[in-house]
């Protein structure tokens, strides 16, 4: 068995426990030793971050080869178009290669907590919200995808990783759960393609 911590990481908190520059880290919220983040969430992003005390579970969550879907609610500058949504769904060519297709839909403005500091937006510039799910883990991927279709990100909140959701946690709050591990460590999916006969 392993213990999993579901943390709502606040804005401008590093996904690590120490920082030589004096920025806020996970140590401000998680005081129990022996837990490590399974994956990362950018300093300027908010929402669900998973931490665990068992290496196999950490690998299973963080390794992109296992393709856990991660879901984000994203506030965009401008009113997103049907063409931009379709491009996100189809997958895009970024500087580090093509992305996998994403699951995307428009949203009414979610009832999230107030961000501190608040969003900087132009007075007469409309904004829109989307929910986007990806099963990759590239650096700042969602932000780069949205910028590539012409809609810069103003706010990004991760709400779900696989079966785990943020469900009611306020910024800085966390909850624990026990996860039963299989007897054998997870093996990576076989990347070899089967030959056609």
N, C-alpha and C. Protein backbone atom coordinates (compact mmCIF):
# COMPACT_ATOMS: atom_id res chain seq x y z
N UNK A 1 0.84 -1.20 0.00
CA UNK A 1 0.00 0.00 0.00
C UNK A 1 0.88 1.25 0.00
N UNK A 2 0.33 2.32 -0.52
CA UNK A 2 1.03 3.60 -0.54
C UNK A 2 0.05 4.68 -0.11
N UNK A 3 0.60 5.79 0.34
CA UNK A 3 -0.23 6.94 0.70
C UNK A 3 -0.05 8.02 -0.35
N UNK A 4 -1.16 8.56 -0.79
CA UNK A 4 -1.17 9.61 -1.80
C UNK A 4 -1.72 10.88 -1.18
N UNK A 5 -1.05 12.00 -1.42
CA UNK A 5 -1.55 13.31 -0.99
C UNK A 5 -2.04 14.07 -2.22
N UNK A 6 -3.27 14.54 -2.16
CA UNK A 6 -3.83 15.39 -3.19
C UNK A 6 -3.78 16.82 -2.67
N UNK A 7 -2.98 17.65 -3.29
CA UNK A 7 -2.77 19.04 -2.87
C UNK A 7 -3.30 20.00 -3.92
N UNK A 8 -4.01 21.03 -3.47
CA UNK A 8 -4.35 22.13 -4.36
C UNK A 8 -3.20 23.15 -4.27
N UNK A 9 -2.29 23.05 -5.24
CA UNK A 9 -1.12 23.94 -5.22
C UNK A 9 -1.52 25.36 -5.57
N UNK A 10 -1.21 26.31 -4.70
CA UNK A 10 -1.55 27.70 -5.03
C UNK A 10 -0.67 28.27 -6.14
N UNK A 11 -1.11 29.38 -6.66
CA UNK A 11 -0.34 30.16 -7.64
C UNK A 11 0.98 30.61 -7.03
N UNK A 12 2.03 30.60 -7.84
CA UNK A 12 3.37 31.02 -7.44
C UNK A 12 3.91 30.23 -6.25
N UNK A 13 3.75 28.93 -6.34
CA UNK A 13 4.38 27.98 -5.43
C UNK A 13 5.12 26.96 -6.29
N UNK A 14 6.36 26.67 -5.94
CA UNK A 14 7.16 25.70 -6.68
C UNK A 14 6.73 24.28 -6.32
N UNK A 15 6.81 23.38 -7.30
CA UNK A 15 6.47 21.97 -7.08
C UNK A 15 7.67 21.21 -6.53
N UNK A 16 8.30 21.75 -5.51
CA UNK A 16 9.46 21.15 -4.85
C UNK A 16 9.50 21.67 -3.42
N UNK A 17 10.41 21.10 -2.60
CA UNK A 17 10.41 21.41 -1.18
C UNK A 17 11.45 22.44 -0.76
N UNK A 18 12.39 22.78 -1.63
CA UNK A 18 13.40 23.79 -1.29
C UNK A 18 13.59 24.74 -2.46
N UNK A 19 14.07 25.95 -2.15
CA UNK A 19 14.37 26.92 -3.20
C UNK A 19 15.39 27.92 -2.68
N UNK A 20 16.48 28.04 -3.37
CA UNK A 20 17.55 28.94 -2.93
C UNK A 20 17.18 30.41 -3.08
N UNK A 21 16.16 30.69 -3.91
CA UNK A 21 15.75 32.08 -4.13
C UNK A 21 14.69 32.55 -3.14
N UNK A 22 14.26 31.69 -2.24
CA UNK A 22 13.31 32.10 -1.21
C UNK A 22 11.85 32.10 -1.65
N UNK A 23 11.53 31.48 -2.78
CA UNK A 23 10.14 31.42 -3.21
C UNK A 23 9.38 30.37 -2.40
N UNK A 24 8.05 30.49 -2.38
CA UNK A 24 7.23 29.52 -1.66
C UNK A 24 7.38 28.14 -2.31
N UNK A 25 7.43 27.11 -1.48
CA UNK A 25 7.57 25.73 -1.94
C UNK A 25 6.50 24.86 -1.28
N UNK A 26 6.53 23.58 -1.60
CA UNK A 26 5.59 22.63 -1.01
C UNK A 26 5.77 22.50 0.50
N UNK A 27 6.96 22.84 0.99
CA UNK A 27 7.22 22.73 2.43
C UNK A 27 6.30 23.62 3.26
N UNK A 28 5.72 24.62 2.65
CA UNK A 28 4.79 25.50 3.35
C UNK A 28 3.47 24.79 3.66
N UNK A 29 3.17 23.73 2.89
CA UNK A 29 1.86 23.07 3.00
C UNK A 29 1.94 21.61 3.42
N UNK A 30 3.04 20.93 3.08
CA UNK A 30 3.20 19.52 3.40
C UNK A 30 4.35 19.39 4.38
N UNK A 31 4.04 19.01 5.62
CA UNK A 31 5.06 18.95 6.67
C UNK A 31 5.52 17.52 6.94
N UNK A 32 4.84 16.52 6.39
CA UNK A 32 5.20 15.13 6.64
C UNK A 32 6.37 14.72 5.75
N UNK A 33 7.45 14.22 6.33
CA UNK A 33 8.60 13.81 5.49
C UNK A 33 8.29 12.55 4.68
N UNK A 34 9.07 12.34 3.62
CA UNK A 34 8.96 11.11 2.85
C UNK A 34 8.01 11.17 1.68
N UNK A 35 7.42 12.33 1.41
CA UNK A 35 6.52 12.47 0.27
C UNK A 35 7.20 13.28 -0.83
N UNK A 36 6.99 12.84 -2.07
CA UNK A 36 7.61 13.50 -3.21
C UNK A 36 6.57 13.70 -4.31
N UNK A 37 6.66 14.82 -5.04
CA UNK A 37 5.67 15.06 -6.10
C UNK A 37 5.79 14.06 -7.23
N UNK A 38 4.65 13.59 -7.69
CA UNK A 38 4.59 12.71 -8.85
C UNK A 38 4.24 13.58 -10.05
N UNK A 39 5.26 14.10 -10.71
CA UNK A 39 5.05 15.07 -11.77
C UNK A 39 5.18 16.48 -11.21
N UNK A 40 4.92 17.45 -12.07
CA UNK A 40 5.10 18.85 -11.69
C UNK A 40 3.89 19.68 -12.12
N UNK A 41 3.82 20.86 -11.56
CA UNK A 41 2.85 21.86 -11.97
C UNK A 41 3.58 23.19 -11.93
N UNK A 42 3.51 23.94 -13.01
CA UNK A 42 4.30 25.16 -13.15
C UNK A 42 4.08 26.13 -11.98
N UNK A 43 5.09 26.93 -11.72
CA UNK A 43 5.07 27.96 -10.68
C UNK A 43 3.85 28.87 -10.83
N UNK A 44 3.52 29.22 -12.08
CA UNK A 44 2.42 30.16 -12.33
C UNK A 44 1.10 29.45 -12.66
N UNK A 45 1.01 28.15 -12.38
CA UNK A 45 -0.24 27.40 -12.54
C UNK A 45 -0.74 26.98 -11.17
N UNK A 46 -2.02 26.64 -11.11
CA UNK A 46 -2.66 26.27 -9.85
C UNK A 46 -3.31 24.90 -9.99
N UNK A 47 -3.68 24.35 -8.83
CA UNK A 47 -4.52 23.17 -8.88
C UNK A 47 -3.85 21.89 -8.41
N UNK A 48 -4.36 20.77 -8.92
CA UNK A 48 -4.04 19.46 -8.38
C UNK A 48 -2.59 19.06 -8.62
N UNK A 49 -1.92 18.73 -7.51
CA UNK A 49 -0.59 18.14 -7.54
C UNK A 49 -0.63 16.91 -6.64
N UNK A 50 -0.12 15.79 -7.14
CA UNK A 50 -0.10 14.55 -6.37
C UNK A 50 1.28 14.31 -5.79
N UNK A 51 1.32 13.90 -4.53
CA UNK A 51 2.57 13.53 -3.88
C UNK A 51 2.38 12.14 -3.28
N UNK A 52 3.43 11.33 -3.31
CA UNK A 52 3.30 9.99 -2.77
C UNK A 52 4.57 9.58 -2.04
N UNK A 53 4.45 8.49 -1.27
CA UNK A 53 5.56 8.00 -0.46
C UNK A 53 6.10 6.67 -0.98
N UNK A 54 5.79 6.33 -2.21
CA UNK A 54 6.19 5.04 -2.77
C UNK A 54 6.63 5.23 -4.21
N UNK A 55 7.83 4.75 -4.55
CA UNK A 55 8.42 5.02 -5.85
C UNK A 55 7.66 4.45 -7.02
N UNK A 56 7.07 3.25 -6.85
CA UNK A 56 6.34 2.64 -7.97
C UNK A 56 5.11 3.47 -8.34
N UNK A 57 4.41 3.94 -7.32
CA UNK A 57 3.24 4.77 -7.59
C UNK A 57 3.66 6.10 -8.20
N UNK A 58 4.73 6.67 -7.70
CA UNK A 58 5.24 7.92 -8.26
C UNK A 58 5.56 7.76 -9.74
N UNK A 59 6.22 6.65 -10.10
CA UNK A 59 6.54 6.39 -11.50
C UNK A 59 5.29 6.22 -12.34
N UNK A 60 4.32 5.50 -11.79
CA UNK A 60 3.08 5.23 -12.54
C UNK A 60 2.32 6.51 -12.87
N UNK A 61 2.37 7.46 -11.94
CA UNK A 61 1.65 8.72 -12.15
C UNK A 61 2.43 9.66 -13.06
N UNK A 62 3.73 9.76 -12.85
CA UNK A 62 4.53 10.79 -13.52
C UNK A 62 4.99 10.40 -14.92
N UNK A 63 5.17 9.13 -15.18
CA UNK A 63 5.76 8.71 -16.45
C UNK A 63 4.76 8.90 -17.60
N UNK A 64 5.10 9.72 -18.61
CA UNK A 64 4.15 9.96 -19.71
C UNK A 64 3.84 8.73 -20.53
N UNK A 65 4.66 7.67 -20.43
CA UNK A 65 4.38 6.45 -21.18
C UNK A 65 3.09 5.77 -20.72
N UNK A 66 2.66 6.06 -19.47
CA UNK A 66 1.43 5.45 -18.98
C UNK A 66 0.19 6.25 -19.35
N UNK A 67 0.38 7.42 -19.92
CA UNK A 67 -0.68 8.19 -20.56
C UNK A 67 -1.87 8.48 -19.66
N UNK A 68 -1.62 8.88 -18.41
CA UNK A 68 -2.72 9.34 -17.57
C UNK A 68 -3.23 10.67 -18.11
N UNK A 69 -4.53 10.79 -18.25
CA UNK A 69 -5.11 12.05 -18.72
C UNK A 69 -5.06 13.08 -17.60
N UNK A 70 -4.63 14.29 -17.94
CA UNK A 70 -4.60 15.41 -17.00
C UNK A 70 -5.53 16.49 -17.55
N UNK A 71 -6.41 16.99 -16.69
CA UNK A 71 -7.45 17.93 -17.12
C UNK A 71 -7.21 19.31 -16.49
N UNK A 72 -7.36 20.33 -17.31
CA UNK A 72 -7.11 21.71 -16.91
C UNK A 72 -8.30 22.59 -17.30
N UNK A 73 -8.63 23.54 -16.44
CA UNK A 73 -9.53 24.63 -16.81
C UNK A 73 -8.66 25.84 -17.10
N UNK A 74 -8.86 26.44 -18.26
CA UNK A 74 -7.93 27.45 -18.74
C UNK A 74 -8.70 28.70 -19.16
N UNK A 75 -8.29 29.84 -18.61
CA UNK A 75 -8.84 31.13 -19.03
C UNK A 75 -7.93 31.70 -20.11
N UNK A 76 -8.54 32.08 -21.23
CA UNK A 76 -7.80 32.55 -22.39
C UNK A 76 -8.10 34.01 -22.67
N UNK A 77 -7.13 34.67 -23.23
CA UNK A 77 -7.33 36.04 -23.70
C UNK A 77 -8.01 35.98 -25.06
N UNK A 78 -9.20 36.57 -25.15
CA UNK A 78 -9.97 36.53 -26.40
C UNK A 78 -11.03 35.45 -26.37
N UNK A 79 -11.95 35.53 -27.31
CA UNK A 79 -13.03 34.56 -27.43
C UNK A 79 -12.58 33.46 -28.40
N UNK A 80 -12.34 32.29 -27.87
CA UNK A 80 -11.77 31.22 -28.69
C UNK A 80 -12.72 30.82 -29.81
N UNK A 81 -12.16 30.49 -30.95
CA UNK A 81 -12.92 30.16 -32.14
C UNK A 81 -13.06 28.65 -32.30
N UNK A 82 -14.04 28.26 -33.12
CA UNK A 82 -14.24 26.84 -33.41
C UNK A 82 -13.01 26.26 -34.10
N UNK A 83 -12.37 27.05 -34.96
CA UNK A 83 -11.18 26.59 -35.66
C UNK A 83 -10.04 26.30 -34.68
N UNK A 84 -9.84 27.19 -33.70
CA UNK A 84 -8.79 26.98 -32.71
C UNK A 84 -9.08 25.75 -31.85
N UNK A 85 -10.33 25.56 -31.47
CA UNK A 85 -10.70 24.37 -30.69
C UNK A 85 -10.40 23.10 -31.47
N UNK A 86 -10.73 23.11 -32.76
CA UNK A 86 -10.49 21.92 -33.57
C UNK A 86 -9.00 21.63 -33.72
N UNK A 87 -8.21 22.69 -33.84
CA UNK A 87 -6.76 22.50 -33.94
C UNK A 87 -6.20 21.87 -32.67
N UNK A 88 -6.69 22.30 -31.51
CA UNK A 88 -6.25 21.70 -30.25
C UNK A 88 -6.66 20.22 -30.19
N UNK A 89 -7.87 19.94 -30.64
CA UNK A 89 -8.35 18.55 -30.62
C UNK A 89 -7.54 17.66 -31.55
N UNK A 90 -7.14 18.20 -32.68
CA UNK A 90 -6.42 17.40 -33.68
C UNK A 90 -4.97 17.15 -33.28
N UNK A 91 -4.39 18.07 -32.50
CA UNK A 91 -2.97 18.03 -32.21
C UNK A 91 -2.24 19.09 -33.02
N UNK A 92 -1.16 19.61 -32.45
CA UNK A 92 -0.44 20.73 -33.05
C UNK A 92 1.03 20.39 -33.21
N UNK A 93 1.68 21.12 -34.10
CA UNK A 93 3.14 21.02 -34.21
C UNK A 93 3.77 22.13 -33.38
N UNK A 94 4.43 21.74 -32.29
CA UNK A 94 5.17 22.69 -31.48
C UNK A 94 6.66 22.56 -31.79
N UNK A 95 7.47 23.40 -31.18
CA UNK A 95 8.90 23.38 -31.48
C UNK A 95 9.55 22.04 -31.15
N UNK A 96 8.99 21.35 -30.15
CA UNK A 96 9.56 20.05 -29.78
C UNK A 96 8.77 18.88 -30.38
N UNK A 97 8.01 19.15 -31.45
CA UNK A 97 7.33 18.08 -32.17
C UNK A 97 5.83 18.14 -32.04
N UNK A 98 5.12 17.24 -32.73
CA UNK A 98 3.66 17.24 -32.71
C UNK A 98 3.11 16.76 -31.38
N UNK A 99 1.99 17.34 -30.98
CA UNK A 99 1.30 16.89 -29.78
C UNK A 99 0.29 15.81 -30.14
N UNK A 100 -0.07 15.03 -29.13
CA UNK A 100 -1.17 14.10 -29.33
C UNK A 100 -2.49 14.87 -29.35
N UNK A 101 -3.52 14.32 -29.95
CA UNK A 101 -4.83 14.98 -29.89
C UNK A 101 -5.28 15.19 -28.45
N UNK A 102 -5.94 16.31 -28.21
CA UNK A 102 -6.43 16.65 -26.88
C UNK A 102 -7.96 16.57 -26.84
N UNK A 103 -8.48 16.43 -25.65
CA UNK A 103 -9.93 16.54 -25.44
C UNK A 103 -10.20 17.97 -25.01
N UNK A 104 -11.06 18.67 -25.73
CA UNK A 104 -11.27 20.10 -25.48
C UNK A 104 -12.75 20.45 -25.60
N UNK A 105 -13.21 21.31 -24.69
CA UNK A 105 -14.56 21.87 -24.80
C UNK A 105 -14.57 23.25 -24.17
N UNK A 106 -15.51 24.09 -24.58
CA UNK A 106 -15.66 25.40 -23.98
C UNK A 106 -16.40 25.28 -22.65
N UNK A 107 -16.18 26.26 -21.76
CA UNK A 107 -16.79 26.28 -20.44
C UNK A 107 -17.39 27.63 -20.15
N UNK A 108 -18.45 27.64 -19.33
CA UNK A 108 -18.84 28.87 -18.66
C UNK A 108 -17.78 29.15 -17.60
N UNK A 109 -17.63 30.40 -17.17
CA UNK A 109 -16.60 30.72 -16.19
C UNK A 109 -16.79 29.89 -14.92
N UNK A 110 -15.79 29.08 -14.53
CA UNK A 110 -15.94 28.23 -13.35
C UNK A 110 -15.95 29.06 -12.06
N UNK A 111 -16.51 28.47 -11.02
CA UNK A 111 -16.56 29.13 -9.71
C UNK A 111 -15.32 28.75 -8.91
N UNK A 112 -14.17 29.28 -9.33
CA UNK A 112 -12.92 29.04 -8.62
C UNK A 112 -12.72 30.11 -7.55
N UNK A 113 -11.80 29.84 -6.65
CA UNK A 113 -11.34 30.79 -5.66
C UNK A 113 -10.72 32.01 -6.34
N UNK A 114 -10.66 33.14 -5.63
CA UNK A 114 -9.97 34.32 -6.15
C UNK A 114 -8.47 34.05 -6.17
N UNK A 115 -7.84 34.40 -7.26
CA UNK A 115 -6.40 34.20 -7.32
C UNK A 115 -5.68 35.38 -6.69
N UNK A 116 -4.58 35.09 -5.99
CA UNK A 116 -3.79 36.13 -5.36
C UNK A 116 -2.34 36.03 -5.86
N UNK A 117 -1.85 37.05 -6.62
CA UNK A 117 -2.55 38.27 -7.06
C UNK A 117 -3.55 37.96 -8.17
N UNK A 118 -4.50 38.88 -8.39
CA UNK A 118 -5.53 38.63 -9.40
C UNK A 118 -4.97 38.64 -10.82
N UNK A 119 -5.78 38.13 -11.74
CA UNK A 119 -5.41 38.10 -13.16
C UNK A 119 -5.25 39.53 -13.68
N UNK A 120 -4.20 39.74 -14.45
CA UNK A 120 -4.05 41.02 -15.16
C UNK A 120 -4.65 40.85 -16.55
N UNK A 121 -5.71 41.59 -16.82
CA UNK A 121 -6.31 41.53 -18.15
C UNK A 121 -6.70 42.92 -18.60
N UNK A 122 -6.70 43.08 -19.92
CA UNK A 122 -7.05 44.39 -20.47
C UNK A 122 -8.54 44.66 -20.30
N UNK A 123 -8.85 45.88 -19.99
CA UNK A 123 -10.21 46.26 -19.60
C UNK A 123 -11.25 45.87 -20.65
N UNK A 124 -10.95 46.11 -21.92
CA UNK A 124 -11.95 45.86 -22.97
C UNK A 124 -11.65 44.59 -23.76
N UNK A 125 -10.77 43.75 -23.26
CA UNK A 125 -10.43 42.51 -23.95
C UNK A 125 -11.27 41.36 -23.38
N UNK A 126 -12.13 40.73 -24.20
CA UNK A 126 -12.92 39.61 -23.68
C UNK A 126 -12.02 38.40 -23.37
N UNK A 127 -12.53 37.52 -22.53
CA UNK A 127 -11.82 36.29 -22.23
C UNK A 127 -12.78 35.11 -22.41
N UNK A 128 -12.22 33.93 -22.48
CA UNK A 128 -13.04 32.72 -22.58
C UNK A 128 -12.37 31.61 -21.78
N UNK A 129 -13.14 30.58 -21.47
CA UNK A 129 -12.65 29.43 -20.70
C UNK A 129 -12.81 28.16 -21.52
N UNK A 130 -11.80 27.29 -21.41
CA UNK A 130 -11.91 25.96 -22.00
C UNK A 130 -11.50 24.93 -20.95
N UNK A 131 -11.98 23.70 -21.13
CA UNK A 131 -11.44 22.55 -20.41
C UNK A 131 -10.65 21.73 -21.41
N UNK A 132 -9.41 21.44 -21.09
CA UNK A 132 -8.55 20.68 -21.99
C UNK A 132 -7.90 19.54 -21.22
N UNK A 133 -7.90 18.36 -21.82
CA UNK A 133 -7.27 17.19 -21.23
C UNK A 133 -6.19 16.68 -22.18
N UNK A 134 -5.02 16.41 -21.64
CA UNK A 134 -3.90 15.88 -22.42
C UNK A 134 -3.33 14.67 -21.70
N UNK A 135 -2.68 13.79 -22.46
CA UNK A 135 -2.04 12.63 -21.82
C UNK A 135 -0.54 12.61 -22.14
N UNK A 136 0.04 13.81 -22.16
CA UNK A 136 1.48 14.00 -22.27
C UNK A 136 1.92 14.89 -21.11
N UNK A 137 3.22 15.08 -20.97
CA UNK A 137 3.70 15.91 -19.88
C UNK A 137 4.85 16.81 -20.28
N UNK A 138 4.75 17.47 -21.42
CA UNK A 138 5.83 18.35 -21.84
C UNK A 138 5.82 19.65 -21.04
N UNK A 139 6.96 20.32 -21.04
CA UNK A 139 7.10 21.57 -20.30
C UNK A 139 6.12 22.62 -20.83
N UNK A 140 5.28 23.13 -19.93
CA UNK A 140 4.33 24.21 -20.23
C UNK A 140 3.49 23.90 -21.48
N UNK A 141 3.11 22.67 -21.62
CA UNK A 141 2.49 22.23 -22.87
C UNK A 141 1.16 22.92 -23.15
N UNK A 142 0.27 22.97 -22.17
CA UNK A 142 -1.05 23.57 -22.42
C UNK A 142 -0.90 25.04 -22.79
N UNK A 143 -0.03 25.76 -22.10
CA UNK A 143 0.19 27.17 -22.42
C UNK A 143 0.71 27.32 -23.85
N UNK A 144 1.64 26.45 -24.23
CA UNK A 144 2.21 26.56 -25.58
C UNK A 144 1.19 26.18 -26.65
N UNK A 145 0.36 25.21 -26.37
CA UNK A 145 -0.68 24.82 -27.33
C UNK A 145 -1.67 25.96 -27.56
N UNK A 146 -2.11 26.58 -26.46
CA UNK A 146 -3.09 27.67 -26.59
C UNK A 146 -2.47 28.88 -27.30
N UNK A 147 -1.22 29.19 -26.98
CA UNK A 147 -0.54 30.30 -27.67
C UNK A 147 -0.40 30.00 -29.15
N UNK A 148 -0.17 28.73 -29.51
CA UNK A 148 0.03 28.36 -30.91
C UNK A 148 -1.22 28.57 -31.75
N UNK A 149 -2.41 28.52 -31.12
CA UNK A 149 -3.64 28.77 -31.87
C UNK A 149 -4.12 30.21 -31.68
N UNK A 150 -3.30 31.05 -31.05
CA UNK A 150 -3.59 32.48 -30.99
C UNK A 150 -4.33 32.96 -29.77
N UNK A 151 -4.36 32.13 -28.69
CA UNK A 151 -5.11 32.52 -27.50
C UNK A 151 -4.23 32.32 -26.25
N UNK A 152 -3.52 33.37 -25.84
CA UNK A 152 -2.63 33.26 -24.68
C UNK A 152 -3.40 32.92 -23.41
N UNK A 153 -2.76 32.17 -22.52
CA UNK A 153 -3.37 31.74 -21.26
C UNK A 153 -3.24 32.85 -20.22
N UNK A 154 -4.36 33.16 -19.57
CA UNK A 154 -4.37 34.09 -18.44
C UNK A 154 -4.34 33.36 -17.11
N UNK A 155 -5.00 32.23 -17.05
CA UNK A 155 -5.05 31.44 -15.81
C UNK A 155 -5.18 29.98 -16.17
N UNK A 156 -4.48 29.12 -15.41
CA UNK A 156 -4.50 27.70 -15.68
C UNK A 156 -4.63 26.95 -14.36
N UNK A 157 -5.70 26.14 -14.25
CA UNK A 157 -5.98 25.38 -13.03
C UNK A 157 -6.13 23.91 -13.39
N UNK A 158 -5.27 23.05 -12.84
CA UNK A 158 -5.41 21.61 -13.10
C UNK A 158 -6.42 21.04 -12.11
N UNK A 159 -7.41 20.34 -12.64
CA UNK A 159 -8.51 19.84 -11.81
C UNK A 159 -8.49 18.33 -11.63
N UNK A 160 -7.79 17.60 -12.52
CA UNK A 160 -7.86 16.13 -12.44
C UNK A 160 -6.58 15.52 -13.03
N UNK A 161 -6.13 14.41 -12.42
CA UNK A 161 -5.07 13.57 -12.97
C UNK A 161 -5.59 12.14 -12.87
N UNK A 162 -5.81 11.49 -14.01
CA UNK A 162 -6.38 10.15 -13.99
C UNK A 162 -7.70 10.14 -13.26
N UNK A 163 -7.81 9.28 -12.25
CA UNK A 163 -9.05 9.17 -11.48
C UNK A 163 -9.10 10.12 -10.29
N UNK A 164 -8.03 10.89 -10.07
CA UNK A 164 -7.96 11.76 -8.89
C UNK A 164 -8.35 13.18 -9.26
N UNK A 165 -9.23 13.79 -8.46
CA UNK A 165 -9.73 15.13 -8.76
C UNK A 165 -9.56 16.05 -7.56
N UNK A 166 -9.57 17.34 -7.84
CA UNK A 166 -9.33 18.34 -6.81
C UNK A 166 -10.51 18.49 -5.84
N UNK A 167 -11.72 18.19 -6.34
CA UNK A 167 -12.96 18.12 -5.56
C UNK A 167 -12.98 18.87 -4.24
N UNK A 168 -13.24 20.17 -4.28
CA UNK A 168 -13.51 20.95 -3.07
C UNK A 168 -12.31 21.43 -2.30
N UNK A 169 -11.09 21.05 -2.68
CA UNK A 169 -9.91 21.53 -1.96
C UNK A 169 -9.66 22.99 -2.31
N UNK A 170 -9.43 23.81 -1.30
CA UNK A 170 -9.07 25.20 -1.51
C UNK A 170 -7.55 25.32 -1.63
N UNK A 171 -7.03 26.43 -2.16
CA UNK A 171 -5.59 26.56 -2.33
C UNK A 171 -4.83 26.31 -1.02
N UNK A 172 -3.83 25.44 -1.08
CA UNK A 172 -3.04 25.09 0.08
C UNK A 172 -3.59 23.92 0.88
N UNK A 173 -4.84 23.53 0.64
CA UNK A 173 -5.42 22.40 1.35
C UNK A 173 -5.03 21.09 0.67
N UNK A 174 -5.02 20.01 1.47
CA UNK A 174 -4.73 18.70 0.90
C UNK A 174 -5.53 17.64 1.63
N UNK A 175 -5.62 16.48 1.02
CA UNK A 175 -6.20 15.31 1.68
C UNK A 175 -5.37 14.08 1.31
N UNK A 176 -5.47 13.06 2.15
CA UNK A 176 -4.68 11.84 1.96
C UNK A 176 -5.60 10.68 1.63
N UNK A 177 -5.06 9.73 0.88
CA UNK A 177 -5.80 8.51 0.61
C UNK A 177 -4.81 7.36 0.48
N UNK A 178 -5.28 6.17 0.75
CA UNK A 178 -4.46 4.98 0.63
C UNK A 178 -4.68 4.36 -0.74
N UNK A 179 -3.59 3.98 -1.38
CA UNK A 179 -3.65 3.37 -2.71
C UNK A 179 -3.05 1.97 -2.61
N UNK A 180 -3.78 0.97 -3.08
CA UNK A 180 -3.29 -0.40 -3.09
C UNK A 180 -2.49 -0.63 -4.36
N UNK A 181 -1.27 -1.08 -4.20
CA UNK A 181 -0.37 -1.30 -5.33
C UNK A 181 -0.41 -2.76 -5.76
N UNK A 182 -0.23 -3.03 -7.06
CA UNK A 182 -0.12 -4.43 -7.50
C UNK A 182 1.18 -5.03 -6.99
N UNK A 183 1.22 -6.38 -6.92
CA UNK A 183 2.42 -7.06 -6.44
C UNK A 183 3.61 -6.80 -7.34
N UNK A 184 3.37 -6.75 -8.64
CA UNK A 184 4.46 -6.52 -9.60
C UNK A 184 4.54 -5.04 -9.91
N UNK A 185 5.75 -4.48 -10.07
CA UNK A 185 5.87 -3.09 -10.50
C UNK A 185 5.33 -2.92 -11.90
N UNK A 186 4.74 -1.75 -12.21
CA UNK A 186 4.17 -1.56 -13.55
C UNK A 186 5.26 -1.57 -14.61
N UNK A 187 4.95 -2.21 -15.71
CA UNK A 187 5.89 -2.21 -16.84
C UNK A 187 5.42 -1.19 -17.85
N UNK A 188 6.38 -0.61 -18.55
CA UNK A 188 6.03 0.39 -19.56
C UNK A 188 5.31 -0.28 -20.72
N UNK A 189 4.37 0.42 -21.34
CA UNK A 189 3.72 -0.13 -22.53
C UNK A 189 4.75 -0.38 -23.62
N UNK A 190 4.51 -1.43 -24.41
CA UNK A 190 5.41 -1.77 -25.50
C UNK A 190 5.22 -0.76 -26.62
N UNK A 191 6.29 -0.03 -26.95
CA UNK A 191 6.19 1.00 -27.98
C UNK A 191 6.35 0.45 -29.38
N UNK A 192 6.71 -0.84 -29.49
CA UNK A 192 6.87 -1.42 -30.82
C UNK A 192 5.53 -1.55 -31.50
N UNK A 193 5.49 -1.22 -32.74
CA UNK A 193 4.25 -1.36 -33.52
C UNK A 193 4.19 -2.77 -34.11
N UNK A 194 3.01 -3.35 -34.05
CA UNK A 194 2.86 -4.66 -34.64
C UNK A 194 2.94 -4.58 -36.14
N UNK A 195 3.54 -5.57 -36.75
CA UNK A 195 3.69 -5.59 -38.20
C UNK A 195 2.39 -6.05 -38.85
N UNK A 196 2.08 -5.41 -39.97
CA UNK A 196 0.91 -5.83 -40.72
C UNK A 196 1.26 -7.03 -41.58
N UNK A 197 0.37 -8.00 -41.60
CA UNK A 197 0.63 -9.18 -42.41
C UNK A 197 0.20 -8.95 -43.85
